[in-house]
Amino acid sequence: MHTFRANAGGEPVGGSVTRVLASDLQTLSAFLAQRFQYETGPFESISDLTPAKRYLLRTDYNLNNSHKISFRYNQLDSSSVSNLSGSSSAGLGRATFTTSFLNFAASNYTVLENIKSGIGEWNWVIGGTMSNNLIAGYTTSNESRGDPGTLFPFVDILGAGGTAYTSFGTEPFTVNNELRYNTLQIQDNLTRYGNRHSLTVGGTLQRYESDNSFFSCCPQSNYVYSSLADFYTDVNNYAANPNRTTSPVTLRRFKLRYSNFPGLEKPLQPLKVWYGGAYAQDASPSPAASGSTSRISRTRRTETRRRIRSPSATRPALL
């Protein structure tokens, strides 16, 4: 994902070498595994793979001389890895992709791109002068953040100068960050052929539905410690005194976000929209210019569309 690496100790900071000591991150990772059974993952040479599986199915079938149907199905299952956000909406922010900061792989996140689409078409001839074309399709798409797994508080550790040195825990903007939408489309065209005119009348109908949810930092909680020493002191003191009412260290910042609507798990914002349209087209041949034997079409088309939108849900207030 990037070429920055931890400092082996005594190395000058610059280029891809950060100020973050490898020994600090190794000790921290082992401490979290021993105390909380939390696996941080690596902090260097993090994989940037984009796994994807694609599927395609197509079939055509002639029912008889007058009727033909076809169907096509596409599916994409994919995800991409993104680095931990540097936004100051969580803690004091992090200077990601610089020599000042380095985080663990488990604090990164994935974005899904899962698409399923099916389209069917039916063509048929009516007598000797008419034909009809019917197309129907349905598509679903999921562009949510990937499942972060078991939630763990997001913790920033500050270094010299009061800026972020490293971070660990569940990425602060991934929990309940969801975007899914579905589309249904239907189109029908009826055409009558004449000696001088071809008249087409048709209609379209589309339903669009989406669910969007975004929960800003941090439903899993966010702690900011002034140093690694403060973090170790706080954890060890709590382990020795689980019923304590005060801590020997002062947090630089603490944040917890939640919904103040009883029973509302996440701030889902649904949207449902219907689109409808009707049209007519008259195509009449006319002689081409300069006596050419080729013919061009003069087309007259009128179209009427109507859009019906359902009221969107009231956006819930968040603390």
C-alpha atoms as a PDB file:
ATOM      1  CA  MET A   1       0.000   0.000   0.000  1.00  0.00           C
ATOM      2  CA  HIS A   2       2.995   2.270   0.626  1.00  0.00           C
ATOM      3  CA  THR A   3       6.767   2.019   0.928  1.00  0.00           C
ATOM      4  CA  PHE A   4       7.188   3.603   4.364  1.00  0.00           C
ATOM      5  CA  ARG A   5       8.851   1.417   6.973  1.00  0.00           C
ATOM      6  CA  ALA A   6       9.729   1.445  10.646  1.00  0.00           C
ATOM      7  CA  ASN A   7      13.028   2.767  11.887  1.00  0.00           C
ATOM      8  CA  ALA A   8      15.454   0.036  12.937  1.00  0.00           C
ATOM      9  CA  GLY A   9      16.956   2.421  15.491  1.00  0.00           C
ATOM     10  CA  GLY A  10      19.509   5.122  14.865  1.00  0.00           C
ATOM     11  CA  GLU A  11      18.549   5.504  11.195  1.00  0.00           C
ATOM     12  CA  PRO A  12      18.117   9.033   9.855  1.00  0.00           C
ATOM     13  CA  VAL A  13      14.471   9.850   9.167  1.00  0.00           C
ATOM     14  CA  GLY A  14      13.798  10.503   5.512  1.00  0.00           C
ATOM     15  CA  GLY A  15      12.765   8.908   2.259  1.00  0.00           C
ATOM     16  CA  SER A  16      10.824   5.786   3.244  1.00  0.00           C
ATOM     17  CA  VAL A  17      12.308   5.565   6.773  1.00  0.00           C
ATOM     18  CA  THR A  18       9.916   6.847   9.439  1.00  0.00           C
ATOM     19  CA  ARG A  19      10.577   8.074  12.937  1.00  0.00           C
ATOM     20  CA  VAL A  20       8.510   5.160  14.296  1.00  0.00           C
ATOM     21  CA  LEU A  21      10.768   2.550  15.867  1.00  0.00           C
ATOM     22  CA  ALA A  22      10.264  -1.071  14.828  1.00  0.00           C
ATOM     23  CA  SER A  23      10.968  -2.101  18.415  1.00  0.00           C
ATOM     24  CA  ASP A  24       8.080   0.092  19.655  1.00  0.00           C
ATOM     25  CA  LEU A  25       5.601  -1.475  17.243  1.00  0.00           C
ATOM     26  CA  GLN A  26       6.781  -5.019  17.921  1.00  0.00           C
ATOM     27  CA  THR A  27       6.463  -4.519  21.682  1.00  0.00           C
ATOM     28  CA  LEU A  28       3.041  -2.892  21.298  1.00  0.00           C
ATOM     29  CA  SER A  29       1.728  -5.658  19.056  1.00  0.00           C
ATOM     30  CA  ALA A  30       2.868  -8.361  21.487  1.00  0.00           C
ATOM     31  CA  PHE A  31       1.356  -6.452  24.426  1.00  0.00           C
ATOM     32  CA  LEU A  32      -2.049  -6.154  22.730  1.00  0.00           C
ATOM     33  CA  ALA A  33      -2.052  -9.836  21.819  1.00  0.00           C
ATOM     34  CA  GLN A  34      -1.178 -10.852  25.376  1.00  0.00           C
ATOM     35  CA  ARG A  35      -3.532  -8.451  27.188  1.00  0.00           C
ATOM     36  CA  PHE A  36      -6.535  -8.327  24.841  1.00  0.00           C
ATOM     37  CA  GLN A  37      -6.021 -11.170  22.356  1.00  0.00           C
ATOM     38  CA  TYR A  38      -6.056  -8.479  19.670  1.00  0.00           C
ATOM     39  CA  GLU A  39      -4.013  -9.136  16.534  1.00  0.00           C
ATOM     40  CA  THR A  40      -2.635  -5.983  14.963  1.00  0.00           C
ATOM     41  CA  GLY A  41      -1.276  -7.565  11.809  1.00  0.00           C
ATOM     42  CA  PRO A  42       1.971  -6.356  10.228  1.00  0.00           C
ATOM     43  CA  PHE A  43       3.116  -2.746  10.045  1.00  0.00           C
ATOM     44  CA  GLU A  44       5.299  -3.134   6.947  1.00  0.00           C
ATOM     45  CA  SER A  45       4.987  -4.804   3.537  1.00  0.00           C
ATOM     46  CA  ILE A  46       1.191  -4.768   3.806  1.00  0.00           C
ATOM     47  CA  SER A  47      -0.570  -6.542   0.950  1.00  0.00           C
ATOM     48  CA  ASP A  48      -2.456  -4.354  -1.530  1.00  0.00           C
ATOM     49  CA  LEU A  49      -4.334  -7.086  -3.362  1.00  0.00           C
ATOM     50  CA  THR A  50      -7.690  -6.453  -5.032  1.00  0.00           C
ATOM     51  CA  PRO A  51      -9.368  -9.856  -5.142  1.00  0.00           C
ATOM     52  CA  ALA A  52     -12.148 -10.200  -7.694  1.00  0.00           C
ATOM     53  CA  LYS A  53     -14.363 -12.946  -9.081  1.00  0.00           C
ATOM     54  CA  ARG A  54     -16.372 -12.416 -12.253  1.00  0.00           C
ATOM     55  CA  TYR A  55     -19.231 -14.505 -13.577  1.00  0.00           C
ATOM     56  CA  LEU A  56     -21.080 -14.296 -16.896  1.00  0.00           C
ATOM     57  CA  LEU A  57     -24.039 -16.335 -18.096  1.00  0.00           C
ATOM     58  CA  ARG A  58     -25.824 -15.794 -21.411  1.00  0.00           C
ATOM     59  CA  THR A  59     -28.458 -17.742 -23.268  1.00  0.00           C
ATOM     60  CA  ASP A  60     -30.550 -17.221 -26.421  1.00  0.00           C
ATOM     61  CA  TYR A  61     -33.549 -19.330 -27.341  1.00  0.00           C
ATOM     62  CA  ASN A  62     -35.896 -19.297 -30.336  1.00  0.00           C
ATOM     63  CA  LEU A  63     -39.333 -20.369 -29.191  1.00  0.00           C
ATOM     64  CA  ASN A  64     -40.543 -20.420 -32.813  1.00  0.00           C
ATOM     65  CA  ASN A  65     -40.222 -18.348 -35.980  1.00  0.00           C
ATOM     66  CA  SER A  66     -41.994 -15.409 -34.315  1.00  0.00           C
ATOM     67  CA  HIS A  67     -40.596 -15.430 -30.773  1.00  0.00           C
ATOM     68  CA  LYS A  68     -37.030 -15.123 -29.505  1.00  0.00           C
ATOM     69  CA  ILE A  69     -35.893 -14.682 -25.909  1.00  0.00           C
ATOM     70  CA  SER A  70     -32.448 -13.971 -24.482  1.00  0.00           C
ATOM     71  CA  PHE A  71     -31.031 -13.582 -20.973  1.00  0.00           C
ATOM     72  CA  ARG A  72     -27.718 -12.303 -19.625  1.00  0.00           C
ATOM     73  CA  TYR A  73     -26.418 -12.436 -16.046  1.00  0.00           C
ATOM     74  CA  ASN A  74     -23.270 -10.681 -14.761  1.00  0.00           C
ATOM     75  CA  GLN A  75     -21.749 -10.817 -11.302  1.00  0.00           C
ATOM     76  CA  LEU A  76     -18.692  -9.173  -9.798  1.00  0.00           C
ATOM     77  CA  ASP A  77     -17.441  -9.901  -6.290  1.00  0.00           C
ATOM     78  CA  SER A  78     -14.558  -7.567  -5.523  1.00  0.00           C
ATOM     79  CA  SER A  79     -12.948  -5.535  -2.763  1.00  0.00           C
ATOM     80  CA  SER A  80     -10.023  -3.158  -2.441  1.00  0.00           C
ATOM     81  CA  VAL A  81      -7.875  -2.275   0.564  1.00  0.00           C
ATOM     82  CA  SER A  82      -7.488   1.334   1.697  1.00  0.00           C
ATOM     83  CA  ASN A  83      -5.167   2.778   4.304  1.00  0.00           C
ATOM     84  CA  LEU A  84      -6.398   4.054   7.657  1.00  0.00           C
ATOM     85  CA  SER A  85      -7.979   7.513   7.429  1.00  0.00           C
ATOM     86  CA  GLY A  86      -5.936  10.475   8.598  1.00  0.00           C
ATOM     87  CA  SER A  87      -9.017  12.621   9.358  1.00  0.00           C
ATOM     88  CA  SER A  88      -8.951  14.741  12.513  1.00  0.00           C
ATOM     89  CA  SER A  89     -12.595  13.753  13.106  1.00  0.00           C
ATOM     90  CA  ALA A  90     -10.975  10.841  14.934  1.00  0.00           C
ATOM     91  CA  GLY A  91      -8.561  11.905  17.651  1.00  0.00           C
ATOM     92  CA  LEU A  92      -6.197  14.649  16.525  1.00  0.00           C
ATOM     93  CA  GLY A  93      -5.684  13.206  13.060  1.00  0.00           C
ATOM     94  CA  ARG A  94      -2.796  11.211  11.644  1.00  0.00           C
ATOM     95  CA  ALA A  95      -0.169  12.185   9.075  1.00  0.00           C
ATOM     96  CA  THR A  96      -0.519   8.993   7.063  1.00  0.00           C
ATOM     97  CA  PHE A  97       1.910   8.405   4.178  1.00  0.00           C
ATOM     98  CA  THR A  98       4.606  10.485   5.869  1.00  0.00           C
ATOM     99  CA  THR A  99       7.732   9.706   7.870  1.00  0.00           C
ATOM    100  CA  SER A 100       5.973  10.769  11.088  1.00  0.00           C
ATOM    101  CA  PHE A 101       3.478   7.931  11.361  1.00  0.00           C
ATOM    102  CA  LEU A 102       3.029   4.194  10.822  1.00  0.00           C
ATOM    103  CA  ASN A 103       0.016   2.031  11.602  1.00  0.00           C
ATOM    104  CA  PHE A 104      -0.834  -1.665  11.660  1.00  0.00           C
ATOM    105  CA  ALA A 105      -2.627  -3.558   8.891  1.00  0.00           C
ATOM    106  CA  ALA A 106      -5.654  -4.402  11.055  1.00  0.00           C
ATOM    107  CA  SER A 107      -6.539  -0.686  11.206  1.00  0.00           C
ATOM    108  CA  ASN A 108      -6.914  -0.423   7.449  1.00  0.00           C
ATOM    109  CA  TYR A 109     -10.245  -1.095   5.756  1.00  0.00           C
ATOM    110  CA  THR A 110     -11.763  -2.580   2.612  1.00  0.00           C
ATOM    111  CA  VAL A 111     -14.337  -1.203   0.185  1.00  0.00           C
ATOM    112  CA  LEU A 112     -16.633  -3.670  -1.545  1.00  0.00           C
ATOM    113  CA  GLU A 113     -17.671  -3.621  -5.177  1.00  0.00           C
ATOM    114  CA  ASN A 114     -20.234  -6.385  -5.446  1.00  0.00           C
ATOM    115  CA  ILE A 115     -22.552  -6.187  -8.446  1.00  0.00           C
ATOM    116  CA  LYS A 116     -25.241  -8.582  -9.656  1.00  0.00           C
ATOM    117  CA  SER A 117     -27.151  -7.820 -12.841  1.00  0.00           C
ATOM    118  CA  GLY A 118     -29.699  -9.766 -14.871  1.00  0.00           C
ATOM    119  CA  ILE A 119     -31.301  -8.614 -18.151  1.00  0.00           C
ATOM    120  CA  GLY A 120     -33.945 -10.434 -20.179  1.00  0.00           C
ATOM    121  CA  GLU A 121     -35.206  -9.576 -23.669  1.00  0.00           C
ATOM    122  CA  TRP A 122     -38.227 -10.883 -25.602  1.00  0.00           C
ATOM    123  CA  ASN A 123     -38.704 -10.112 -29.276  1.00  0.00           C
ATOM    124  CA  TRP A 124     -41.729 -11.270 -31.210  1.00  0.00           C
ATOM    125  CA  VAL A 125     -43.435 -10.635 -34.548  1.00  0.00           C
ATOM    126  CA  ILE A 126     -47.161  -9.906 -34.639  1.00  0.00           C
ATOM    127  CA  GLY A 127     -48.660 -10.776 -37.973  1.00  0.00           C
ATOM    128  CA  GLY A 128     -46.780  -9.372 -40.951  1.00  0.00           C
ATOM    129  CA  THR A 129     -46.722  -5.695 -40.022  1.00  0.00           C
ATOM    130  CA  MET A 130     -45.933  -5.421 -36.306  1.00  0.00           C
ATOM    131  CA  SER A 131     -43.249  -6.385 -33.815  1.00  0.00           C
ATOM    132  CA  ASN A 132     -42.709  -5.966 -30.094  1.00  0.00           C
ATOM    133  CA  ASN A 133     -39.555  -5.693 -28.007  1.00  0.00           C
ATOM    134  CA  LEU A 134     -39.679  -6.120 -24.217  1.00  0.00           C
ATOM    135  CA  ILE A 135     -36.599  -5.662 -22.018  1.00  0.00           C
ATOM    136  CA  ALA A 136     -36.488  -6.095 -18.249  1.00  0.00           C
ATOM    137  CA  GLY A 137     -33.444  -5.829 -15.995  1.00  0.00           C
ATOM    138  CA  TYR A 138     -32.588  -5.849 -12.312  1.00  0.00           C
ATOM    139  CA  THR A 139     -29.270  -4.764 -10.802  1.00  0.00           C
ATOM    140  CA  THR A 140     -28.028  -4.798  -7.222  1.00  0.00           C
ATOM    141  CA  SER A 141     -24.829  -3.133  -6.049  1.00  0.00           C
ATOM    142  CA  ASN A 142     -23.058  -3.141  -2.700  1.00  0.00           C
ATOM    143  CA  GLU A 143     -20.337  -0.513  -2.201  1.00  0.00           C
ATOM    144  CA  SER A 144     -20.222  -0.699   1.591  1.00  0.00           C
ATOM    145  CA  ARG A 145     -17.091  -0.896   3.706  1.00  0.00           C
ATOM    146  CA  GLY A 146     -16.011  -4.479   4.341  1.00  0.00           C
ATOM    147  CA  ASP A 147     -16.813  -6.257   7.598  1.00  0.00           C
ATOM    148  CA  PRO A 148     -14.249  -5.001  10.165  1.00  0.00           C
ATOM    149  CA  GLY A 149     -14.708  -8.141  12.273  1.00  0.00           C
ATOM    150  CA  THR A 150     -14.708  -7.960  16.056  1.00  0.00           C
ATOM    151  CA  LEU A 151     -14.689  -4.303  17.076  1.00  0.00           C
ATOM    152  CA  PHE A 152     -11.783  -2.943  19.098  1.00  0.00           C
ATOM    153  CA  PRO A 153     -11.419   0.618  20.426  1.00  0.00           C
ATOM    154  CA  PHE A 154      -9.490   2.862  18.078  1.00  0.00           C
ATOM    155  CA  VAL A 155      -6.411   4.229  19.849  1.00  0.00           C
ATOM    156  CA  ASP A 156      -4.007   6.963  18.775  1.00  0.00           C
ATOM    157  CA  ILE A 157      -0.573   7.158  20.391  1.00  0.00           C
ATOM    158  CA  LEU A 158       1.123  10.536  20.160  1.00  0.00           C
ATOM    159  CA  GLY A 159       4.842  11.090  19.844  1.00  0.00           C
ATOM    160  CA  ALA A 160       7.248  14.009  20.034  1.00  0.00           C
ATOM    161  CA  GLY A 161       5.577  17.273  19.147  1.00  0.00           C
ATOM    162  CA  GLY A 162       2.137  15.968  20.121  1.00  0.00           C
ATOM    163  CA  THR A 163       1.464  14.436  16.722  1.00  0.00           C
ATOM    164  CA  ALA A 164       0.283  10.896  16.007  1.00  0.00           C
ATOM    165  CA  TYR A 165       3.052   8.300  16.201  1.00  0.00           C
ATOM    166  CA  THR A 166       1.029   5.120  15.638  1.00  0.00           C
ATOM    167  CA  SER A 167      -2.553   3.854  15.888  1.00  0.00           C
ATOM    168  CA  PHE A 168      -4.313   0.550  16.360  1.00  0.00           C
ATOM    169  CA  GLY A 169      -7.875  -0.761  16.610  1.00  0.00           C
ATOM    170  CA  THR A 170     -10.884  -0.812  14.285  1.00  0.00           C
ATOM    171  CA  GLU A 171     -10.734   1.903  11.606  1.00  0.00           C
ATOM    172  CA  PRO A 172     -12.824   4.826  12.933  1.00  0.00           C
ATOM    173  CA  PHE A 173     -15.120   5.390   9.935  1.00  0.00           C
ATOM    174  CA  THR A 174     -15.829   1.812   8.865  1.00  0.00           C
ATOM    175  CA  VAL A 175     -18.460   0.718  11.385  1.00  0.00           C
ATOM    176  CA  ASN A 176     -21.938   0.951   9.778  1.00  0.00           C
ATOM    177  CA  ASN A 177     -20.508   2.656   6.694  1.00  0.00           C
ATOM    178  CA  GLU A 178     -22.837   1.153   4.089  1.00  0.00           C
ATOM    179  CA  LEU A 179     -24.067   1.908   0.578  1.00  0.00           C
ATOM    180  CA  ARG A 180     -26.365  -0.467  -1.283  1.00  0.00           C
ATOM    181  CA  TYR A 181     -28.665   0.254  -4.210  1.00  0.00           C
ATOM    182  CA  ASN A 182     -31.013  -1.678  -6.474  1.00  0.00           C
ATOM    183  CA  THR A 183     -32.457  -0.748  -9.857  1.00  0.00           C
ATOM    184  CA  LEU A 184     -35.386  -2.313 -11.727  1.00  0.00           C
ATOM    185  CA  GLN A 185     -35.850  -1.297 -15.374  1.00  0.00           C
ATOM    186  CA  ILE A 186     -38.594  -2.276 -17.810  1.00  0.00           C
ATOM    187  CA  GLN A 187     -38.958  -1.035 -21.385  1.00  0.00           C
ATOM    188  CA  ASP A 188     -41.487  -2.066 -24.037  1.00  0.00           C
ATOM    189  CA  ASN A 189     -41.612  -0.960 -27.689  1.00  0.00           C
ATOM    190  CA  LEU A 190     -44.396  -1.807 -30.153  1.00  0.00           C
ATOM    191  CA  THR A 191     -43.706  -1.007 -33.817  1.00  0.00           C
ATOM    192  CA  ARG A 192     -46.085  -1.058 -36.796  1.00  0.00           C
ATOM    193  CA  TYR A 193     -44.507  -1.054 -40.267  1.00  0.00           C
ATOM    194  CA  GLY A 194     -46.214   0.592 -43.240  1.00  0.00           C
ATOM    195  CA  ASN A 195     -45.261   1.477 -46.800  1.00  0.00           C
ATOM    196  CA  ARG A 196     -44.456   5.057 -45.907  1.00  0.00           C
ATOM    197  CA  HIS A 197     -44.382   5.087 -42.107  1.00  0.00           C
ATOM    198  CA  SER A 198     -43.038   3.050 -39.198  1.00  0.00           C
ATOM    199  CA  LEU A 199     -44.818   3.981 -35.999  1.00  0.00           C
ATOM    200  CA  THR A 200     -43.329   3.042 -32.620  1.00  0.00           C
ATOM    201  CA  VAL A 201     -44.995   3.530 -29.262  1.00  0.00           C
ATOM    202  CA  GLY A 202     -43.393   2.527 -26.005  1.00  0.00           C
ATOM    203  CA  GLY A 203     -42.955   3.059 -22.336  1.00  0.00           C
ATOM    204  CA  THR A 204     -40.306   2.767 -19.648  1.00  0.00           C
ATOM    205  CA  LEU A 205     -40.538   2.144 -15.930  1.00  0.00           C
ATOM    206  CA  GLN A 206     -37.661   2.330 -13.473  1.00  0.00           C
ATOM    207  CA  ARG A 207     -37.481   1.862  -9.734  1.00  0.00           C
ATOM    208  CA  TYR A 208     -34.375   3.027  -7.880  1.00  0.00           C
ATOM    209  CA  GLU A 209     -33.836   2.146  -4.240  1.00  0.00           C
ATOM    210  CA  SER A 210     -30.808   2.833  -2.047  1.00  0.00           C
ATOM    211  CA  ASP A 211     -29.771   2.422   1.574  1.00  0.00           C
ATOM    212  CA  ASN A 212     -26.974   4.641   2.836  1.00  0.00           C
ATOM    213  CA  SER A 213     -25.526   4.705   6.335  1.00  0.00           C
ATOM    214  CA  PHE A 214     -22.555   6.608   7.689  1.00  0.00           C
ATOM    215  CA  PHE A 215     -21.569   6.686  11.349  1.00  0.00           C
ATOM    216  CA  SER A 216     -18.748   9.131  11.973  1.00  0.00           C
ATOM    217  CA  CYS A 217     -16.086   8.337  14.560  1.00  0.00           C
ATOM    218  CA  CYS A 218     -16.427   6.396  16.719  1.00  0.00           C
ATOM    219  CA  PRO A 219     -19.115   3.949  17.860  1.00  0.00           C
ATOM    220  CA  GLN A 220     -16.330   1.634  19.060  1.00  0.00           C
ATOM    221  CA  SER A 221     -14.770   4.540  21.045  1.00  0.00           C
ATOM    222  CA  ASN A 222     -11.577   6.506  20.390  1.00  0.00           C
ATOM    223  CA  TYR A 223      -8.742   7.057  22.866  1.00  0.00           C
ATOM    224  CA  VAL A 224      -5.787   9.412  22.401  1.00  0.00           C
ATOM    225  CA  TYR A 225      -2.748   8.869  24.656  1.00  0.00           C
ATOM    226  CA  SER A 226       0.111  11.323  24.878  1.00  0.00           C
ATOM    227  CA  SER A 227       2.709   8.546  24.732  1.00  0.00           C
ATOM    228  CA  LEU A 228       3.212   4.795  24.662  1.00  0.00           C
ATOM    229  CA  ALA A 229       4.283   4.994  28.304  1.00  0.00           C
ATOM    230  CA  ASP A 230       0.916   6.522  29.241  1.00  0.00           C
ATOM    231  CA  PHE A 231      -0.928   3.757  27.415  1.00  0.00           C
ATOM    232  CA  TYR A 232       0.998   0.959  29.133  1.00  0.00           C
ATOM    233  CA  THR A 233       0.575   2.632  32.522  1.00  0.00           C
ATOM    234  CA  ASP A 234      -3.191   2.997  32.084  1.00  0.00           C
ATOM    235  CA  VAL A 235      -3.746  -0.592  30.932  1.00  0.00           C
ATOM    236  CA  ASN A 236      -1.569  -2.137  33.636  1.00  0.00           C
ATOM    237  CA  ASN A 237      -3.165  -0.004  36.329  1.00  0.00           C
ATOM    238  CA  TYR A 238      -6.652  -1.053  35.234  1.00  0.00           C
ATOM    239  CA  ALA A 239      -5.603  -4.717  35.221  1.00  0.00           C
ATOM    240  CA  ALA A 240      -4.418  -4.337  38.819  1.00  0.00           C
ATOM    241  CA  ASN A 241      -7.455  -2.261  39.877  1.00  0.00           C
ATOM    242  CA  PRO A 242     -10.475  -3.185  37.700  1.00  0.00           C
ATOM    243  CA  ASN A 243     -12.846  -1.326  40.053  1.00  0.00           C
ATOM    244  CA  ARG A 244     -10.892   1.899  39.926  1.00  0.00           C
ATOM    245  CA  THR A 245     -12.705   5.205  39.529  1.00  0.00           C
ATOM    246  CA  THR A 246      -9.714   7.264  38.372  1.00  0.00           C
ATOM    247  CA  SER A 247      -6.715   6.696  36.130  1.00  0.00           C
ATOM    248  CA  PRO A 248      -3.106   7.627  36.883  1.00  0.00           C
ATOM    249  CA  VAL A 249      -2.793   9.184  33.413  1.00  0.00           C
ATOM    250  CA  THR A 250      -4.731  11.932  31.689  1.00  0.00           C
ATOM    251  CA  LEU A 251      -6.122  11.143  28.267  1.00  0.00           C
ATOM    252  CA  ARG A 252      -5.405  13.695  25.593  1.00  0.00           C
ATOM    253  CA  ARG A 253      -8.831  13.020  24.100  1.00  0.00           C
ATOM    254  CA  PHE A 254     -11.703  10.533  24.313  1.00  0.00           C
ATOM    255  CA  LYS A 255     -14.610  10.185  21.923  1.00  0.00           C
ATOM    256  CA  LEU A 256     -17.678   7.962  21.686  1.00  0.00           C
ATOM    257  CA  ARG A 257     -20.478   8.452  19.188  1.00  0.00           C
ATOM    258  CA  TYR A 258     -23.932   6.972  19.478  1.00  0.00           C
ATOM    259  CA  SER A 259     -27.487   7.484  18.274  1.00  0.00           C
ATOM    260  CA  ASN A 260     -29.932   9.162  20.647  1.00  0.00           C
ATOM    261  CA  PHE A 261     -32.894   7.410  18.988  1.00  0.00           C
ATOM    262  CA  PRO A 262     -33.941   4.386  21.088  1.00  0.00           C
ATOM    263  CA  GLY A 263     -33.669   1.195  19.078  1.00  0.00           C
ATOM    264  CA  LEU A 264     -31.900   2.861  16.150  1.00  0.00           C
ATOM    265  CA  GLU A 265     -28.803   0.776  15.520  1.00  0.00           C
ATOM    266  CA  LYS A 266     -27.433   2.899  12.688  1.00  0.00           C
ATOM    267  CA  PRO A 267     -28.397   6.157  10.901  1.00  0.00           C
ATOM    268  CA  LEU A 268     -29.834   4.527   7.779  1.00  0.00           C
ATOM    269  CA  GLN A 269     -31.045   6.925   5.079  1.00  0.00           C
ATOM    270  CA  PRO A 270     -33.287   5.073   2.591  1.00  0.00           C
ATOM    271  CA  LEU A 271     -34.292   6.471  -0.793  1.00  0.00           C
ATOM    272  CA  LYS A 272     -36.961   5.089  -3.123  1.00  0.00           C
ATOM    273  CA  VAL A 273     -37.739   6.654  -6.504  1.00  0.00           C
ATOM    274  CA  TRP A 274     -40.010   5.633  -9.390  1.00  0.00           C
ATOM    275  CA  TYR A 275     -39.445   6.921 -12.928  1.00  0.00           C
ATOM    276  CA  GLY A 276     -41.962   6.417 -15.692  1.00  0.00           C
ATOM    277  CA  GLY A 277     -41.976   7.458 -19.343  1.00  0.00           C
ATOM    278  CA  ALA A 278     -44.066   7.067 -22.490  1.00  0.00           C
ATOM    279  CA  TYR A 279     -43.175   8.016 -26.048  1.00  0.00           C
ATOM    280  CA  ALA A 280     -44.201   7.737 -29.700  1.00  0.00           C
ATOM    281  CA  GLN A 281     -42.064   7.901 -32.818  1.00  0.00           C
ATOM    282  CA  ASP A 282     -43.011   8.163 -36.491  1.00  0.00           C
ATOM    283  CA  ALA A 283     -40.248   7.311 -38.962  1.00  0.00           C
ATOM    284  CA  SER A 284     -41.107   8.128 -42.569  1.00  0.00           C
ATOM    285  CA  PRO A 285     -38.693   7.662 -45.501  1.00  0.00           C
ATOM    286  CA  SER A 286     -37.946  10.591 -47.840  1.00  0.00           C
ATOM    287  CA  PRO A 287     -35.853  10.908 -51.020  1.00  0.00           C
ATOM    288  CA  ALA A 288     -32.211  11.743 -50.457  1.00  0.00           C
ATOM    289  CA  ALA A 289     -30.576  14.806 -51.930  1.00  0.00           C
ATOM    290  CA  SER A 290     -28.910  14.922 -55.390  1.00  0.00           C
ATOM    291  CA  GLY A 291     -31.008  12.100 -56.819  1.00  0.00           C
ATOM    292  CA  SER A 292     -29.218   9.446 -54.758  1.00  0.00           C
ATOM    293  CA  THR A 293     -30.988   6.120 -54.517  1.00  0.00           C
ATOM    294  CA  SER A 294     -30.219   5.929 -50.784  1.00  0.00           C
ATOM    295  CA  ARG A 295     -32.950   6.902 -48.351  1.00  0.00           C
ATOM    296  CA  ILE A 296     -32.848   8.663 -45.030  1.00  0.00           C
ATOM    297  CA  SER A 297     -35.383   8.644 -42.239  1.00  0.00           C
ATOM    298  CA  ARG A 298     -37.279  11.661 -41.037  1.00  0.00           C
ATOM    299  CA  THR A 299     -38.158  11.036 -37.399  1.00  0.00           C
ATOM    300  CA  ARG A 300     -40.755  12.738 -35.272  1.00  0.00           C
ATOM    301  CA  ARG A 301     -40.763  11.744 -31.629  1.00  0.00           C
ATOM    302  CA  THR A 302     -42.788  12.886 -28.675  1.00  0.00           C
ATOM    303  CA  GLU A 303     -42.072  11.772 -25.173  1.00  0.00           C
ATOM    304  CA  THR A 304     -43.678  12.153 -21.783  1.00  0.00           C
ATOM    305  CA  ARG A 305     -41.997  11.214 -18.537  1.00  0.00           C
ATOM    306  CA  ARG A 306     -43.148  11.278 -14.973  1.00  0.00           C
ATOM    307  CA  ARG A 307     -41.047  11.020 -11.887  1.00  0.00           C
ATOM    308  CA  ILE A 308     -42.448   9.947  -8.564  1.00  0.00           C
ATOM    309  CA  ARG A 309     -40.191  10.262  -5.563  1.00  0.00           C
ATOM    310  CA  SER A 310     -41.027   8.904  -2.170  1.00  0.00           C
ATOM    311  CA  PRO A 311     -40.124  11.066   0.825  1.00  0.00           C
ATOM    312  CA  SER A 312     -36.722  10.180   2.194  1.00  0.00           C
ATOM    313  CA  ALA A 313     -36.420   9.180   5.819  1.00  0.00           C
ATOM    314  CA  THR A 314     -35.775  11.879   8.335  1.00  0.00           C
ATOM    315  CA  ARG A 315     -32.106  11.999   9.124  1.00  0.00           C
ATOM    316  CA  PRO A 316     -31.645  10.990  12.771  1.00  0.00           C
ATOM    317  CA  ALA A 317     -29.829  13.322  15.083  1.00  0.00           C
ATOM    318  CA  LEU A 318     -26.511  12.008  16.356  1.00  0.00           C
ATOM    319  CA  LEU A 319     -24.554  13.088  19.335  1.00  0.00           C
END
